[in-house]
Structures are given as C-alpha cells and as structure tokens.
Protein backbone atom coordinates (compact mmCIF):
# COMPACT_ATOMS: atom_id res chain seq x y z
CA MET A 1 -6.89 -10.60 -2.23
CA LEU A 2 -3.96 -12.33 -0.58
CA ALA A 3 -5.91 -15.56 -0.06
CA GLY A 4 -6.25 -16.38 -3.74
CA PRO A 5 -7.89 -15.42 -7.01
CA VAL A 6 -10.49 -12.69 -6.97
CA CYS A 7 -12.89 -11.28 -9.52
CA LEU A 8 -12.92 -7.51 -9.83
CA ARG A 9 -15.52 -5.36 -11.55
CA PHE A 10 -14.91 -1.71 -12.37
CA ASP A 11 -17.73 0.82 -12.69
CA VAL A 12 -16.37 3.73 -14.67
CA ALA A 13 -18.26 6.95 -15.36
CA ASP A 14 -18.16 8.15 -18.96
CA ASP A 15 -16.90 11.68 -18.32
CA SER A 16 -13.99 13.92 -19.30
CA ARG A 17 -11.57 11.75 -17.30
CA LEU A 18 -12.57 8.44 -18.90
CA ALA A 19 -9.20 7.96 -20.64
CA VAL A 20 -7.29 8.46 -17.36
CA LYS A 21 -9.58 6.04 -15.54
CA LEU A 22 -9.20 3.38 -18.23
CA GLU A 23 -5.43 3.82 -18.17
CA ALA A 24 -5.43 3.22 -14.40
CA ILE A 25 -7.51 0.08 -14.84
CA MET A 26 -5.17 -1.20 -17.54
CA ALA A 27 -2.18 -0.54 -15.27
CA PHE A 28 -3.96 -2.49 -12.53
CA ARG A 29 -4.33 -5.38 -14.94
CA ALA A 30 -0.55 -5.52 -15.64
CA PRO A 31 0.69 -8.95 -16.70
CA ALA A 32 0.52 -11.25 -13.71
CA GLY A 33 3.82 -12.88 -14.69
CA THR A 34 5.76 -9.79 -13.69
CA GLY A 35 4.33 -9.70 -10.18
CA ARG A 36 4.92 -5.95 -10.12
CA ALA A 37 1.26 -4.97 -10.03
CA PHE A 38 0.59 -7.37 -7.16
CA ALA A 39 3.69 -6.27 -5.22
CA SER A 40 2.77 -2.63 -5.64
CA LEU A 41 -0.77 -3.23 -4.39
CA ALA A 42 0.53 -5.30 -1.47
CA GLN A 43 2.87 -2.46 -0.45
CA LYS A 44 0.07 0.07 -0.69
CA LEU A 45 -2.18 -2.18 1.39
CA GLN A 46 0.57 -2.43 4.00
CA ALA A 47 0.79 1.37 4.13
CA LEU A 48 -2.99 1.62 4.60
CA HIS A 49 -2.82 -1.00 7.39
CA ALA A 50 -0.16 1.13 9.08
CA VAL A 51 -2.48 4.15 9.05
CA ASP A 52 -5.37 2.06 10.37
CA ALA A 53 -3.23 0.77 13.23
CA ARG A 54 -2.06 4.26 14.17
CA ASN A 55 -5.62 5.61 13.96
CA ALA A 56 -6.70 2.83 16.30
CA GLY A 57 -4.16 4.07 18.85
CA ALA A 58 -1.26 1.68 18.22
CA SER A 59 2.24 2.96 18.91
CA LEU A 60 4.87 2.84 16.18
CA LYS A 61 6.33 -0.25 17.86
CA GLU A 62 2.92 -1.98 18.00
CA THR A 63 2.31 -1.06 14.38
CA ALA A 64 5.66 -2.57 13.36
CA GLU A 65 4.86 -5.78 15.25
CA PHE A 66 1.44 -5.95 13.57
CA LEU A 67 2.92 -5.44 10.09
CA PHE A 68 6.24 -7.29 10.32
CA GLY A 69 6.03 -9.52 13.40
CA GLN A 70 8.29 -9.42 16.43
CA GLY A 71 11.70 -7.85 15.99
CA ASP A 72 14.27 -5.55 17.51
CA TRP A 73 12.91 -2.13 18.32
CA PRO A 74 13.67 0.35 16.96
CA GLY A 75 15.93 -1.88 14.89
CA ASP A 76 19.49 -1.49 13.68
CA GLY A 77 19.88 2.20 12.91
CA GLU A 78 16.22 2.63 13.84
CA HIS A 79 15.34 0.83 10.59
CA ARG A 80 11.98 -0.59 11.72
CA LYS A 81 10.90 2.68 13.29
CA SER A 82 11.82 4.66 10.17
CA CYS A 83 10.08 2.13 7.94
CA VAL A 84 6.84 2.33 9.93
CA ARG A 85 6.95 6.12 9.86
CA ARG A 86 7.37 6.09 6.08
CA LEU A 87 4.54 3.58 5.68
CA VAL A 88 2.22 5.76 7.78
CA GLU A 89 3.18 8.81 5.73
CA THR A 90 2.64 6.91 2.47
CA GLY A 91 -0.70 5.60 3.69
CA MET A 92 -1.82 9.12 4.55
CA ARG A 93 -0.86 10.28 1.03
CA LEU A 94 -2.80 7.36 -0.47
CA ILE A 95 -5.86 8.23 1.60
CA HIS A 96 -5.60 11.89 0.60
CA ALA A 97 -5.33 10.93 -3.09
CA GLY A 98 -8.36 8.64 -2.89
CA PRO A 99 -8.80 5.66 -5.22
CA ARG A 100 -6.47 7.27 -7.75
CA GLY A 101 -3.60 6.96 -5.26
CA VAL A 102 -4.05 3.22 -4.98
CA LEU A 103 -4.54 2.54 -8.69
CA GLU A 104 -1.75 4.70 -10.10
CA LYS A 105 1.46 2.87 -10.93
CA LYS A 106 3.74 5.80 -10.16
CA ARG A 107 3.10 5.89 -6.42
CA ARG A 108 5.90 4.13 -4.61
CA VAL A 109 5.79 2.94 -1.03
CA GLN A 110 8.41 1.72 1.38
CA SER A 111 8.95 -2.02 1.58
CA ALA A 112 9.10 -4.10 4.75
CA PRO A 113 12.17 -3.82 6.98
CA ARG A 114 14.92 -6.38 6.85
CA ALA A 115 14.62 -9.24 9.35
C-alpha cells in the first residue's frame, strides 16, 4: 500500500453484524485529504511488523532498527525501547482483535520515536 494507489475489494457477509461491518468499511474510506485514515493504517502496520519481528526472534533493539533505522539504544529516557514495547503490545492486541482491530478507527497505536 505504501508504494502507491491500490484497489481494494470488500466481501461482506449479510448477517446480523452487517451495519457494523459497513461502518468499518466507510471509516476505512475516510476522505484521503485528511490523511488520518492512511496514518492510522500505517501505524497499525508498523505495530504488526513489530510483532512479526519479535516472533522471528529479533531483540527489541533489532526490532527498533528494523522499524526506525539506526539510533541510540535504548534512546534518551529509554524512548526507543519503550516505543517498541508499546508497538509490540499494540500489535498483539490487533492480532487478538482480528480484522476488526485493524479496521476500527478507535484503536490507537504508538507513533515512531523521535530521531
């Protein structure tokens, strides 16, 4: 998605939760001018990447370098370390919630650490 425009298709079951599903899709399609929908998805993707890295055996430091590039470890006030921990935690919550966790607007994730 980061490389450029994409075309998405949603298959939605007509069941008792149809209204909730359609609301999530409409939230996903938020006006592109705001950039909020894209930023939210990018942050959630970053959290899922953090979980993938940890599941592959990467240390917190290696995960931070993968996500944010080289930097001081653990960072001023352990900022980078804390940020990676929060991203892993958020990613685990997103995984537990399933697709709903990624599509819902209300889920907030931690942003990248300061340079």
